[in-house]
C-alpha atoms as a PDB file:
ATOM      1  CA  MET A   1     110.873  94.800  63.385  1.00  0.00           C
ATOM      2  CA  LYS A   2     107.412  94.839  64.964  1.00  0.00           C
ATOM      3  CA  ASN A   3     104.963  97.399  63.800  1.00  0.00           C
ATOM      4  CA  ARG A   4     103.630  98.649  67.135  1.00  0.00           C
ATOM      5  CA  THR A   5     101.440 101.634  68.027  1.00  0.00           C
ATOM      6  CA  TYR A   6     100.932 103.406  71.330  1.00  0.00           C
ATOM      7  CA  SER A   7      97.617 105.088  70.538  1.00  0.00           C
ATOM      8  CA  TRP A   8      95.831 103.305  73.428  1.00  0.00           C
ATOM      9  CA  ALA A   9      96.944 105.852  76.058  1.00  0.00           C
ATOM     10  CA  PHE A  10      95.469 108.677  74.015  1.00  0.00           C
ATOM     11  CA  ARG A  11      92.236 106.665  73.520  1.00  0.00           C
ATOM     12  CA  VAL A  12      91.969 106.190  77.240  1.00  0.00           C
ATOM     13  CA  LEU A  13      92.412 109.860  77.962  1.00  0.00           C
ATOM     14  CA  GLY A  14      89.992 110.657  75.181  1.00  0.00           C
ATOM     15  CA  ALA A  15      87.405 108.439  76.853  1.00  0.00           C
ATOM     16  CA  LEU A  16      87.817 110.408  80.025  1.00  0.00           C
ATOM     17  CA  ALA A  17      87.359 113.737  78.239  1.00  0.00           C
ATOM     18  CA  ALA A  18      84.339 112.327  76.417  1.00  0.00           C
ATOM     19  CA  LEU A  19      82.731 111.310  79.699  1.00  0.00           C
ATOM     20  CA  THR A  20      82.898 114.865  80.990  1.00  0.00           C
ATOM     21  CA  LEU A  21      81.255 116.197  77.773  1.00  0.00           C
ATOM     22  CA  THR A  22      78.344 113.739  78.001  1.00  0.00           C
ATOM     23  CA  VAL A  23      77.304 114.217  81.623  1.00  0.00           C
ATOM     24  CA  GLY A  24      74.665 116.778  80.672  1.00  0.00           C
ATOM     25  CA  CYS A  25      72.859 114.622  78.145  1.00  0.00           C
ATOM     26  CA  GLY A  26      73.162 111.426  80.089  1.00  0.00           C
ATOM     27  CA  ALA A  27      74.945 109.487  77.287  1.00  0.00           C
ATOM     28  CA  ALA A  28      76.962 106.353  78.364  1.00  0.00           C
ATOM     29  CA  ALA A  29      80.615 106.822  78.815  1.00  0.00           C
ATOM     30  CA  PRO A  30      82.612 105.355  75.929  1.00  0.00           C
ATOM     31  CA  THR A  31      84.658 102.256  76.208  1.00  0.00           C
ATOM     32  CA  SER A  32      87.594 100.946  74.076  1.00  0.00           C
ATOM     33  CA  SER A  33      88.757  97.661  72.820  1.00  0.00           C
ATOM     34  CA  GLY A  34      91.690  96.848  75.079  1.00  0.00           C
ATOM     35  CA  SER A  35      93.812  96.146  72.036  1.00  0.00           C
ATOM     36  CA  VAL A  36      97.365  97.477  72.193  1.00  0.00           C
ATOM     37  CA  SER A  37     100.627  96.563  70.451  1.00  0.00           C
ATOM     38  CA  ASN A  38     100.617  95.632  66.791  1.00  0.00           C
ATOM     39  CA  GLY A  39      96.889  96.358  65.990  1.00  0.00           C
ATOM     40  CA  SER A  40      95.968  92.646  65.434  1.00  0.00           C
ATOM     41  CA  GLN A  41      93.591  90.675  67.605  1.00  0.00           C
ATOM     42  CA  PRO A  42      95.017  87.155  68.126  1.00  0.00           C
ATOM     43  CA  ALA A  43      92.717  84.323  69.217  1.00  0.00           C
ATOM     44  CA  GLY A  44      91.683  84.663  72.821  1.00  0.00           C
ATOM     45  CA  THR A  45      92.062  88.465  73.144  1.00  0.00           C
ATOM     46  CA  ALA A  46      89.480  90.414  75.116  1.00  0.00           C
ATOM     47  CA  THR A  47      86.574  92.290  73.561  1.00  0.00           C
ATOM     48  CA  ALA A  48      85.471  95.788  74.581  1.00  0.00           C
ATOM     49  CA  THR A  49      84.287  96.054  78.165  1.00  0.00           C
ATOM     50  CA  PRO A  50      80.534  96.877  78.516  1.00  0.00           C
ATOM     51  CA  ALA A  51      81.096  98.676  81.764  1.00  0.00           C
ATOM     52  CA  SER A  52      79.902 102.321  81.538  1.00  0.00           C
ATOM     53  CA  VAL A  53      78.033 105.044  83.447  1.00  0.00           C
ATOM     54  CA  SER A  54      75.575 107.684  82.158  1.00  0.00           C
ATOM     55  CA  GLY A  55      77.199 110.727  83.867  1.00  0.00           C
ATOM     56  CA  THR A  56      78.226 111.994  87.243  1.00  0.00           C
ATOM     57  CA  SER A  57      74.833 113.048  88.639  1.00  0.00           C
ATOM     58  CA  PHE A  58      71.814 111.122  89.822  1.00  0.00           C
ATOM     59  CA  PRO A  59      69.576 109.527  88.566  1.00  0.00           C
ATOM     60  CA  MET A  60      72.492 107.491  87.029  1.00  0.00           C
ATOM     61  CA  THR A  61      72.480 104.378  84.813  1.00  0.00           C
ATOM     62  CA  VAL A  62      75.349 102.044  85.286  1.00  0.00           C
ATOM     63  CA  THR A  63      76.362  98.946  83.298  1.00  0.00           C
ATOM     64  CA  ASP A  64      78.732  96.485  84.899  1.00  0.00           C
ATOM     65  CA  PHE A  65      81.406  94.253  83.348  1.00  0.00           C
ATOM     66  CA  THR A  66      78.934  91.500  82.626  1.00  0.00           C
ATOM     67  CA  GLY A  67      76.565  93.877  80.767  1.00  0.00           C
ATOM     68  CA  HIS A  68      74.043  94.035  83.570  1.00  0.00           C
ATOM     69  CA  THR A  69      72.385  97.551  83.621  1.00  0.00           C
ATOM     70  CA  GLN A  70      70.626  99.332  86.472  1.00  0.00           C
ATOM     71  CA  THR A  71      69.572 102.857  87.365  1.00  0.00           C
ATOM     72  CA  PHE A  72      70.209 104.497  90.664  1.00  0.00           C
ATOM     73  CA  GLU A  73      67.741 107.264  91.526  1.00  0.00           C
ATOM     74  CA  GLN A  74      70.106 108.537  94.261  1.00  0.00           C
ATOM     75  CA  GLN A  75      73.708 108.039  95.250  1.00  0.00           C
ATOM     76  CA  PRO A  76      74.271 104.700  97.143  1.00  0.00           C
ATOM     77  CA  GLN A  77      75.213 105.391 100.706  1.00  0.00           C
ATOM     78  CA  ARG A  78      76.102 101.912 102.016  1.00  0.00           C
ATOM     79  CA  ILE A  79      78.418 100.212  99.521  1.00  0.00           C
ATOM     80  CA  ALA A  80      79.988  96.811 100.327  1.00  0.00           C
ATOM     81  CA  VAL A  81      83.010  95.870  98.200  1.00  0.00           C
ATOM     82  CA  VAL A  82      83.579  92.142  98.787  1.00  0.00           C
ATOM     83  CA  SER A  83      86.783  91.520  96.662  1.00  0.00           C
ATOM     84  CA  GLY A  84      90.120  93.056  97.255  1.00  0.00           C
ATOM     85  CA  THR A  85      90.811  94.226  93.707  1.00  0.00           C
ATOM     86  CA  PRO A  86      87.694  96.335  93.249  1.00  0.00           C
ATOM     87  CA  LEU A  87      88.006  97.489  96.864  1.00  0.00           C
ATOM     88  CA  ASN A  88      91.473  98.867  96.164  1.00  0.00           C
ATOM     89  CA  ILE A  89      90.323 100.589  92.992  1.00  0.00           C
ATOM     90  CA  PHE A  90      87.206 101.943  94.745  1.00  0.00           C
ATOM     91  CA  TYR A  91      89.110 103.543  97.524  1.00  0.00           C
ATOM     92  CA  ASP A  92      91.872 104.983  95.098  1.00  0.00           C
ATOM     93  CA  ALA A  93      89.039 106.545  93.134  1.00  0.00           C
ATOM     94  CA  GLY A  94      87.806 108.266  96.256  1.00  0.00           C
ATOM     95  CA  GLY A  95      85.084 105.858  97.494  1.00  0.00           C
ATOM     96  CA  THR A  96      84.261 104.690 101.029  1.00  0.00           C
ATOM     97  CA  ALA A  97      82.791 101.238 101.832  1.00  0.00           C
ATOM     98  CA  ILE A  98      80.885  99.800 104.820  1.00  0.00           C
ATOM     99  CA  ALA A  99      82.604  96.422 104.622  1.00  0.00           C
ATOM    100  CA  GLY A 100      85.217  94.478 102.596  1.00  0.00           C
ATOM    101  CA  PRO A 101      86.758  91.005 102.256  1.00  0.00           C
ATOM    102  CA  ASN A 102      89.532  89.460 104.281  1.00  0.00           C
ATOM    103  CA  LEU A 103      92.636  91.118 102.929  1.00  0.00           C
ATOM    104  CA  THR A 104      95.640  89.019 102.173  1.00  0.00           C
ATOM    105  CA  GLU A 105      99.174  89.542 100.944  1.00  0.00           C
ATOM    106  CA  ASN A 106      97.949  88.850  97.371  1.00  0.00           C
ATOM    107  CA  ILE A 107      97.039  92.487  97.017  1.00  0.00           C
ATOM    108  CA  ARG A 108      99.063  95.655  97.420  1.00  0.00           C
ATOM    109  CA  LEU A 109      96.755  98.264  98.901  1.00  0.00           C
ATOM    110  CA  THR A 110      96.926 101.888  97.742  1.00  0.00           C
ATOM    111  CA  GLU A 111      99.112 103.423 100.352  1.00  0.00           C
ATOM    112  CA  ASP A 112      97.230 106.549 101.361  1.00  0.00           C
ATOM    113  CA  ARG A 113      94.086 104.645 102.187  1.00  0.00           C
ATOM    114  CA  ALA A 114      95.409 101.242 103.268  1.00  0.00           C
ATOM    115  CA  ASP A 115      94.638 101.750 106.969  1.00  0.00           C
ATOM    116  CA  GLU A 116      90.977 102.603 106.121  1.00  0.00           C
ATOM    117  CA  MET A 117      90.560  99.446 104.099  1.00  0.00           C
ATOM    118  CA  ARG A 118      92.095  97.265 106.771  1.00  0.00           C
ATOM    119  CA  ALA A 119      89.828  98.797 109.461  1.00  0.00           C
ATOM    120  CA  LEU A 120      86.640  97.752 107.585  1.00  0.00           C
ATOM    121  CA  PRO A 121      84.461  94.911 108.840  1.00  0.00           C
ATOM    122  CA  GLN A 122      85.802  91.807 107.020  1.00  0.00           C
ATOM    123  CA  LEU A 123      83.283  89.382 105.592  1.00  0.00           C
ATOM    124  CA  GLY A 124      85.539  86.518 104.706  1.00  0.00           C
ATOM    125  CA  LEU A 125      87.718  85.493 101.683  1.00  0.00           C
ATOM    126  CA  PRO A 126      86.218  86.418  98.275  1.00  0.00           C
ATOM    127  CA  ARG A 127      85.025  82.868  97.474  1.00  0.00           C
ATOM    128  CA  THR A 128      83.510  82.369 100.981  1.00  0.00           C
ATOM    129  CA  ILE A 129      81.873  85.715 101.799  1.00  0.00           C
ATOM    130  CA  ASP A 130      79.557  85.531 104.814  1.00  0.00           C
ATOM    131  CA  SER A 131      76.344  86.452 102.933  1.00  0.00           C
ATOM    132  CA  GLU A 132      74.274  86.617 106.105  1.00  0.00           C
ATOM    133  CA  ALA A 133      76.655  89.110 107.665  1.00  0.00           C
ATOM    134  CA  LEU A 134      76.677  91.037 104.429  1.00  0.00           C
ATOM    135  CA  VAL A 135      72.874  91.316 104.219  1.00  0.00           C
ATOM    136  CA  GLY A 136      72.793  92.265 107.913  1.00  0.00           C
ATOM    137  CA  LEU A 137      74.832  95.461 107.055  1.00  0.00           C
ATOM    138  CA  ASN A 138      71.848  96.546 104.858  1.00  0.00           C
ATOM    139  CA  PRO A 139      73.932  97.540 101.831  1.00  0.00           C
ATOM    140  CA  ASP A 140      72.326  99.499  99.006  1.00  0.00           C
ATOM    141  CA  LEU A 141      75.053  98.323  96.537  1.00  0.00           C
ATOM    142  CA  VAL A 142      77.419  95.294  96.559  1.00  0.00           C
ATOM    143  CA  ILE A 143      80.455  95.388  94.337  1.00  0.00           C
ATOM    144  CA  THR A 144      81.632  91.875  93.449  1.00  0.00           C
ATOM    145  CA  GLN A 145      84.315  90.031  91.352  1.00  0.00           C
ATOM    146  CA  ALA A 146      83.231  88.122  88.250  1.00  0.00           C
ATOM    147  CA  GLY A 147      83.854  84.339  88.323  1.00  0.00           C
ATOM    148  CA  ALA A 148      84.741  83.931  92.009  1.00  0.00           C
ATOM    149  CA  GLN A 149      81.582  85.614  93.249  1.00  0.00           C
ATOM    150  CA  THR A 150      78.953  84.775  90.503  1.00  0.00           C
ATOM    151  CA  ALA A 151      76.766  82.849  93.031  1.00  0.00           C
ATOM    152  CA  LEU A 152      77.015  85.648  95.618  1.00  0.00           C
ATOM    153  CA  ASP A 153      76.103  88.178  92.941  1.00  0.00           C
ATOM    154  CA  SER A 154      72.950  86.212  91.934  1.00  0.00           C
ATOM    155  CA  GLN A 155      72.023  85.696  95.554  1.00  0.00           C
ATOM    156  CA  MET A 156      72.168  89.475  96.212  1.00  0.00           C
ATOM    157  CA  GLN A 157      70.111  90.272  93.133  1.00  0.00           C
ATOM    158  CA  GLN A 158      67.406  87.782  94.096  1.00  0.00           C
ATOM    159  CA  MET A 159      67.152  89.542  97.456  1.00  0.00           C
ATOM    160  CA  GLY A 160      66.663  92.927  95.695  1.00  0.00           C
ATOM    161  CA  ILE A 161      70.179  94.224  96.597  1.00  0.00           C
ATOM    162  CA  PRO A 162      71.766  95.984  93.588  1.00  0.00           C
ATOM    163  CA  THR A 163      75.236  94.601  92.506  1.00  0.00           C
ATOM    164  CA  PHE A 164      77.997  95.778  90.241  1.00  0.00           C
ATOM    165  CA  THR A 165      80.223  92.982  88.966  1.00  0.00           C
ATOM    166  CA  THR A 166      83.873  93.822  88.004  1.00  0.00           C
ATOM    167  CA  SER A 167      86.242  92.021  85.644  1.00  0.00           C
ATOM    168  CA  VAL A 168      89.341  94.186  85.263  1.00  0.00           C
ATOM    169  CA  LYS A 169      92.133  92.739  83.129  1.00  0.00           C
ATOM    170  CA  ASN A 170      93.587  95.571  81.013  1.00  0.00           C
ATOM    171  CA  LEU A 171      93.985  99.371  81.055  1.00  0.00           C
ATOM    172  CA  ASP A 172      90.747  99.974  79.302  1.00  0.00           C
ATOM    173  CA  ASP A 173      88.918  97.902  81.914  1.00  0.00           C
ATOM    174  CA  LEU A 174      90.709  99.810  84.628  1.00  0.00           C
ATOM    175  CA  THR A 175      89.689 103.130  83.071  1.00  0.00           C
ATOM    176  CA  ALA A 176      85.989 101.992  82.954  1.00  0.00           C
ATOM    177  CA  ALA A 177      86.235 100.912  86.696  1.00  0.00           C
ATOM    178  CA  TYR A 178      87.639 104.310  87.731  1.00  0.00           C
ATOM    179  CA  GLN A 179      84.884 106.143  85.715  1.00  0.00           C
ATOM    180  CA  VAL A 180      82.034 104.159  87.244  1.00  0.00           C
ATOM    181  CA  PHE A 181      83.429 104.127  90.776  1.00  0.00           C
ATOM    182  CA  GLY A 182      84.144 107.811  90.685  1.00  0.00           C
ATOM    183  CA  ALA A 183      80.628 108.523  89.556  1.00  0.00           C
ATOM    184  CA  LEU A 184      79.000 106.260  92.189  1.00  0.00           C
ATOM    185  CA  ALA A 185      81.128 107.711  95.011  1.00  0.00           C
ATOM    186  CA  GLY A 186      80.718 111.382  93.869  1.00  0.00           C
ATOM    187  CA  THR A 187      84.532 111.645  93.354  1.00  0.00           C
ATOM    188  CA  SER A 188      84.781 111.792  89.537  1.00  0.00           C
ATOM    189  CA  ASP A 189      87.461 114.468  89.622  1.00  0.00           C
ATOM    190  CA  ARG A 190      89.749 112.319  91.779  1.00  0.00           C
ATOM    191  CA  ALA A 191      89.013 109.196  89.790  1.00  0.00           C
ATOM    192  CA  SER A 192      89.862 110.977  86.523  1.00  0.00           C
ATOM    193  CA  GLN A 193      93.137 112.293  87.929  1.00  0.00           C
ATOM    194  CA  ARG A 194      94.190 108.858  89.222  1.00  0.00           C
ATOM    195  CA  ILE A 195      93.546 107.012  85.938  1.00  0.00           C
ATOM    196  CA  GLU A 196      95.175 109.773  83.923  1.00  0.00           C
ATOM    197  CA  LYS A 197      98.310 109.375  86.033  1.00  0.00           C
ATOM    198  CA  ILE A 198      98.247 105.560  85.801  1.00  0.00           C
ATOM    199  CA  THR A 199      97.831 105.825  82.081  1.00  0.00           C
ATOM    200  CA  ALA A 200     100.673 108.289  81.691  1.00  0.00           C
ATOM    201  CA  ASP A 201     102.977 106.223  83.857  1.00  0.00           C
ATOM    202  CA  THR A 202     102.215 103.157  81.963  1.00  0.00           C
ATOM    203  CA  GLN A 203     102.685 104.872  78.625  1.00  0.00           C
ATOM    204  CA  ALA A 204     106.148 105.967  79.760  1.00  0.00           C
ATOM    205  CA  ILE A 205     107.162 102.398  80.458  1.00  0.00           C
ATOM    206  CA  VAL A 206     105.733 101.173  77.056  1.00  0.00           C
ATOM    207  CA  ASP A 207     107.706 103.971  75.262  1.00  0.00           C
ATOM    208  CA  GLN A 208     110.923 102.687  76.702  1.00  0.00           C
ATOM    209  CA  TRP A 209     110.488  99.210  75.245  1.00  0.00           C
ATOM    210  CA  PRO A 210     112.578  98.852  72.145  1.00  0.00           C
ATOM    211  CA  SER A 211     110.492  98.641  68.969  1.00  0.00           C
ATOM    212  CA  ASP A 212     112.721  96.034  67.362  1.00  0.00           C
ATOM    213  CA  ASP A 213     112.595  93.656  70.274  1.00  0.00           C
ATOM    214  CA  ASP A 214     111.235  90.235  69.321  1.00  0.00           C
ATOM    215  CA  LEU A 215     111.012  88.439  72.666  1.00  0.00           C
ATOM    216  CA  SER A 216     108.552  85.532  73.062  1.00  0.00           C
ATOM    217  CA  VAL A 217     107.111  84.045  76.210  1.00  0.00           C
ATOM    218  CA  VAL A 218     104.905  81.228  77.537  1.00  0.00           C
ATOM    219  CA  ILE A 219     102.778  82.232  80.501  1.00  0.00           C
ATOM    220  CA  LEU A 220     102.122  79.400  82.948  1.00  0.00           C
ATOM    221  CA  PHE A 221      99.375  79.528  85.511  1.00  0.00           C
ATOM    222  CA  ALA A 222     100.134  77.416  88.616  1.00  0.00           C
ATOM    223  CA  THR A 223      97.504  76.380  91.136  1.00  0.00           C
ATOM    224  CA  ALA A 224      97.199  73.487  93.636  1.00  0.00           C
ATOM    225  CA  GLN A 225      95.333  71.604  90.892  1.00  0.00           C
ATOM    226  CA  GLY A 226      98.126  71.780  88.310  1.00  0.00           C
ATOM    227  CA  LEU A 227      99.417  73.907  85.460  1.00  0.00           C
ATOM    228  CA  THR A 228      97.662  75.572  82.597  1.00  0.00           C
ATOM    229  CA  VAL A 229      98.804  78.149  79.982  1.00  0.00           C
ATOM    230  CA  LYS A 230      97.532  81.728  79.934  1.00  0.00           C
ATOM    231  CA  LEU A 231      96.116  83.285  76.715  1.00  0.00           C
ATOM    232  CA  ASP A 232      96.174  86.875  75.555  1.00  0.00           C
ATOM    233  CA  ASN A 233      92.963  87.819  77.415  1.00  0.00           C
ATOM    234  CA  SER A 234      94.544  87.112  80.711  1.00  0.00           C
ATOM    235  CA  ILE A 235      95.997  89.912  82.864  1.00  0.00           C
ATOM    236  CA  ALA A 236      99.661  88.861  82.097  1.00  0.00           C
ATOM    237  CA  GLY A 237      98.743  88.167  78.460  1.00  0.00           C
ATOM    238  CA  GLN A 238      97.238  91.634  78.010  1.00  0.00           C
ATOM    239  CA  MET A 239     100.302  93.239  79.513  1.00  0.00           C
ATOM    240  CA  THR A 240     102.748  91.250  77.373  1.00  0.00           C
ATOM    241  CA  SER A 241     100.752  92.270  74.220  1.00  0.00           C
ATOM    242  CA  MET A 242     100.860  95.843  75.377  1.00  0.00           C
ATOM    243  CA  LEU A 243     104.657  95.806  75.375  1.00  0.00           C
ATOM    244  CA  GLY A 244     104.730  93.972  72.004  1.00  0.00           C
ATOM    245  CA  ILE A 245     106.009  90.657  73.382  1.00  0.00           C
ATOM    246  CA  THR A 246     104.745  87.476  71.623  1.00  0.00           C
ATOM    247  CA  ASN A 247     102.755  85.071  73.638  1.00  0.00           C
ATOM    248  CA  ILE A 248     103.295  81.640  72.028  1.00  0.00           C
ATOM    249  CA  ALA A 249      99.896  80.557  73.176  1.00  0.00           C
ATOM    250  CA  SER A 250      98.079  83.334  71.313  1.00  0.00           C
ATOM    251  CA  ALA A 251      96.527  81.034  68.649  1.00  0.00           C
ATOM    252  CA  MET A 252      95.828  78.131  70.987  1.00  0.00           C
ATOM    253  CA  THR A 253      92.220  77.001  71.721  1.00  0.00           C
ATOM    254  CA  PRO A 254      90.789  78.148  75.140  1.00  0.00           C
ATOM    255  CA  ASP A 255      89.794  75.464  77.548  1.00  0.00           C
ATOM    256  CA  ASN A 256      86.209  76.872  77.393  1.00  0.00           C
ATOM    257  CA  PRO A 257      84.584  79.629  75.354  1.00  0.00           C
ATOM    258  CA  GLY A 258      85.806  82.899  76.872  1.00  0.00           C
ATOM    259  CA  SER A 259      88.362  81.191  79.092  1.00  0.00           C
ATOM    260  CA  GLU A 260      91.795  82.802  79.625  1.00  0.00           C
ATOM    261  CA  THR A 261      93.646  79.484  79.845  1.00  0.00           C
ATOM    262  CA  THR A 262      94.402  76.570  77.601  1.00  0.00           C
ATOM    263  CA  THR A 263      95.695  73.027  78.449  1.00  0.00           C
ATOM    264  CA  LEU A 264      99.379  72.693  79.045  1.00  0.00           C
ATOM    265  CA  ASP A 265     101.204  71.119  76.136  1.00  0.00           C
ATOM    266  CA  ILE A 266     104.954  70.780  76.795  1.00  0.00           C
ATOM    267  CA  GLU A 267     105.576  69.500  73.353  1.00  0.00           C
ATOM    268  CA  ALA A 268     104.145  72.659  71.880  1.00  0.00           C
ATOM    269  CA  ILE A 269     106.301  74.750  74.216  1.00  0.00           C
ATOM    270  CA  VAL A 270     109.446  72.748  73.236  1.00  0.00           C
ATOM    271  CA  GLN A 271     108.566  73.315  69.491  1.00  0.00           C
ATOM    272  CA  ALA A 272     108.068  77.149  70.057  1.00  0.00           C
ATOM    273  CA  GLN A 273     111.123  77.546  72.306  1.00  0.00           C
ATOM    274  CA  PRO A 274     109.987  80.844  73.991  1.00  0.00           C
ATOM    275  CA  ASP A 275     112.664  83.118  75.274  1.00  0.00           C
ATOM    276  CA  TYR A 276     111.195  83.285  78.736  1.00  0.00           C
ATOM    277  CA  VAL A 277     108.812  81.327  80.884  1.00  0.00           C
ATOM    278  CA  LEU A 278     106.495  83.596  82.862  1.00  0.00           C
ATOM    279  CA  VAL A 279     104.727  82.088  85.863  1.00  0.00           C
ATOM    280  CA  THR A 280     101.542  83.403  87.384  1.00  0.00           C
ATOM    281  CA  SER A 281     100.031  81.652  90.324  1.00  0.00           C
ATOM    282  CA  MET A 282      97.206  81.110  92.816  1.00  0.00           C
ATOM    283  CA  PHE A 283      98.830  79.686  95.904  1.00  0.00           C
ATOM    284  CA  ASN A 284      98.957  80.899  99.475  1.00  0.00           C
ATOM    285  CA  SER A 285     102.068  82.827  98.690  1.00  0.00           C
ATOM    286  CA  ASN A 286     104.603  83.730  95.962  1.00  0.00           C
ATOM    287  CA  ASP A 287     107.198  81.504  97.730  1.00  0.00           C
ATOM    288  CA  GLU A 288     104.855  78.487  97.772  1.00  0.00           C
ATOM    289  CA  ALA A 289     104.197  78.912  94.013  1.00  0.00           C
ATOM    290  CA  LYS A 290     107.871  79.121  93.218  1.00  0.00           C
ATOM    291  CA  ALA A 291     108.713  76.000  95.312  1.00  0.00           C
ATOM    292  CA  SER A 292     105.969  74.000  93.517  1.00  0.00           C
ATOM    293  CA  LEU A 293     107.050  74.995  90.058  1.00  0.00           C
ATOM    294  CA  GLU A 294     110.750  74.388  90.729  1.00  0.00           C
ATOM    295  CA  GLN A 295     109.852  70.821  91.900  1.00  0.00           C
ATOM    296  CA  GLN A 296     107.865  70.190  88.751  1.00  0.00           C
ATOM    297  CA  PHE A 297     110.578  71.502  86.491  1.00  0.00           C
ATOM    298  CA  ALA A 298     113.123  69.330  88.242  1.00  0.00           C
ATOM    299  CA  SER A 299     111.035  66.156  88.336  1.00  0.00           C
ATOM    300  CA  ASN A 300     109.744  66.087  84.805  1.00  0.00           C
ATOM    301  CA  PRO A 301     112.588  65.629  82.226  1.00  0.00           C
ATOM    302  CA  ALA A 302     110.380  67.042  79.442  1.00  0.00           C
ATOM    303  CA  TRP A 303     110.838  70.577  80.845  1.00  0.00           C
ATOM    304  CA  GLN A 304     114.594  70.250  80.316  1.00  0.00           C
ATOM    305  CA  ALA A 305     113.968  70.326  76.580  1.00  0.00           C
ATOM    306  CA  VAL A 306     112.652  73.869  77.007  1.00  0.00           C
ATOM    307  CA  ASP A 307     115.704  76.080  76.550  1.00  0.00           C
ATOM    308  CA  ALA A 308     114.336  78.857  78.835  1.00  0.00           C
ATOM    309  CA  VAL A 309     113.786  76.364  81.659  1.00  0.00           C
ATOM    310  CA  ARG A 310     117.246  74.748  81.281  1.00  0.00           C
ATOM    311  CA  ASN A 311     118.881  78.196  81.120  1.00  0.00           C
ATOM    312  CA  GLY A 312     116.982  79.612  84.161  1.00  0.00           C
ATOM    313  CA  LYS A 313     115.006  82.188  82.146  1.00  0.00           C
ATOM    314  CA  ILE A 314     112.000  81.836  84.390  1.00  0.00           C
ATOM    315  CA  VAL A 315     110.120  84.806  85.767  1.00  0.00           C
ATOM    316  CA  TYR A 316     107.790  84.414  88.780  1.00  0.00           C
ATOM    317  CA  LEU A 317     105.317  87.247  88.529  1.00  0.00           C
ATOM    318  CA  PRO A 318     104.062  88.553  91.911  1.00  0.00           C
ATOM    319  CA  GLN A 319     100.540  87.757  92.818  1.00  0.00           C
ATOM    320  CA  GLN A 320      99.927  91.232  94.035  1.00  0.00           C
ATOM    321  CA  TYR A 321     100.311  92.376  90.402  1.00  0.00           C
ATOM    322  CA  PHE A 322      99.229  89.435  88.282  1.00  0.00           C
ATOM    323  CA  LEU A 323      96.751  87.282  90.169  1.00  0.00           C
ATOM    324  CA  TYR A 324      94.176  90.070  89.722  1.00  0.00           C
ATOM    325  CA  ASN A 325      94.626  93.457  88.074  1.00  0.00           C
ATOM    326  CA  ALA A 326      97.078  95.615  89.990  1.00  0.00           C
ATOM    327  CA  GLY A 327      94.617  98.531  89.929  1.00  0.00           C
ATOM    328  CA  PRO A 328      96.264 101.637  91.398  1.00  0.00           C
ATOM    329  CA  HIS A 329      99.725  99.947  90.830  1.00  0.00           C
ATOM    330  CA  TYR A 330      99.011  98.976  87.180  1.00  0.00           C
ATOM    331  CA  ALA A 331     102.060 100.908  86.023  1.00  0.00           C
ATOM    332  CA  ASP A 332     104.272  99.252  88.650  1.00  0.00           C
ATOM    333  CA  ALA A 333     103.073  95.862  87.362  1.00  0.00           C
ATOM    334  CA  ALA A 334     104.027  96.895  83.847  1.00  0.00           C
ATOM    335  CA  ARG A 335     107.483  98.017  85.038  1.00  0.00           C
ATOM    336  CA  TYR A 336     108.006  94.740  86.943  1.00  0.00           C
ATOM    337  CA  LEU A 337     107.323  92.741  83.841  1.00  0.00           C
ATOM    338  CA  ALA A 338     109.419  94.874  81.602  1.00  0.00           C
ATOM    339  CA  ALA A 339     112.320  94.959  84.039  1.00  0.00           C
ATOM    340  CA  SER A 340     112.215  91.205  84.463  1.00  0.00           C
ATOM    341  CA  LEU A 341     112.856  90.751  80.693  1.00  0.00           C
ATOM    342  CA  ARG A 342     114.979  93.861  79.952  1.00  0.00           C
ATOM    343  CA  PRO A 343     116.813  94.872  83.222  1.00  0.00           C
ATOM    344  CA  ASP A 344     119.341  96.589  80.924  1.00  0.00           C
ATOM    345  CA  ILE A 345     116.679  99.191  80.180  1.00  0.00           C
ATOM    346  CA  TYR A 346     114.446  99.257  83.260  1.00  0.00           C
ATOM    347  CA  GLY A 347     116.805  98.123  86.043  1.00  0.00           C
ATOM    348  CA  SER A 348     116.037  95.285  88.493  1.00  0.00           C
ATOM    349  CA  PRO A 349     112.414  94.369  88.967  1.00  0.00           C
ATOM    350  CA  ALA A 350     110.947  95.530  92.208  1.00  0.00           C
ATOM    351  CA  GLU A 351     107.530  94.811  93.777  1.00  0.00           C
ATOM    352  CA  SER A 352     106.985  98.345  95.135  1.00  0.00           C
ATOM    353  CA  ALA A 353     107.849 101.711  93.880  1.00  0.00           C
END
């Protein structure tokens, strides 16, 4: 039987309470480690996010997810959010932007503000943002996505335009994002209410997972360039750990320091014989990803030595939940994963509530 704890939800709520208490003295909001499940930290798991905010009034010091710190003397009035995941979280936290990225089916927008986000001037896909058009909007803050927008982030900073870089993978990261966004937008009460509900809804799903379950998985990441395997510091890896599911790649060496993937080794997968194969993807659509994987499974005889593949125990995780953090729909993503593996407890998996 696995020795699992569920104290993470209470740590998250405690962080929110502590933020309220520290506003007057300007102390940074606390962050937490992101470790959930059995209390150990396998190779490749995430460290504590540095993202924090000094309070809910200005002047305000903000640290982003890369550790970059800046002070705002007054509230930013023209905020551009140029990636779908932080845009979705920012609006759910109560914020309003002057522009956003092109929005695709890879993201499920928060329902009550979806029309507002779709009506924003669109600056292109996240990796190809029109920087000239962005600068022309005269933003006083640009919120970006780590990795895909590193070059854009540097460009804006060189021009003297403040940026806030996000990298949201687990519930602790999500909590930090709501804290910072609520403070910047002047909507901290709404932001706190939203993350408290997301945390409570997620906790309810985790509590349903049987403590004596010993399922194991391998998490494949499919792109047009090929297949890799996701580690515990990925979005899907963090969520499987939260439920107490074993990721057979936990101890594998990352492709690069800090990377969330490792090289595909079918022999290692055959040796480990995971109960399920989970598939995350970066294709134009979920259907395209599934078709590509099914073709690879059928054409490469080595995959037939993996019992889960031969027996059809393959779960294609929706991009709107697992390509980037599901944000406002984090609990729905957790339920989808749990239901995919234990429909006897959670019912059939569904992409929307």
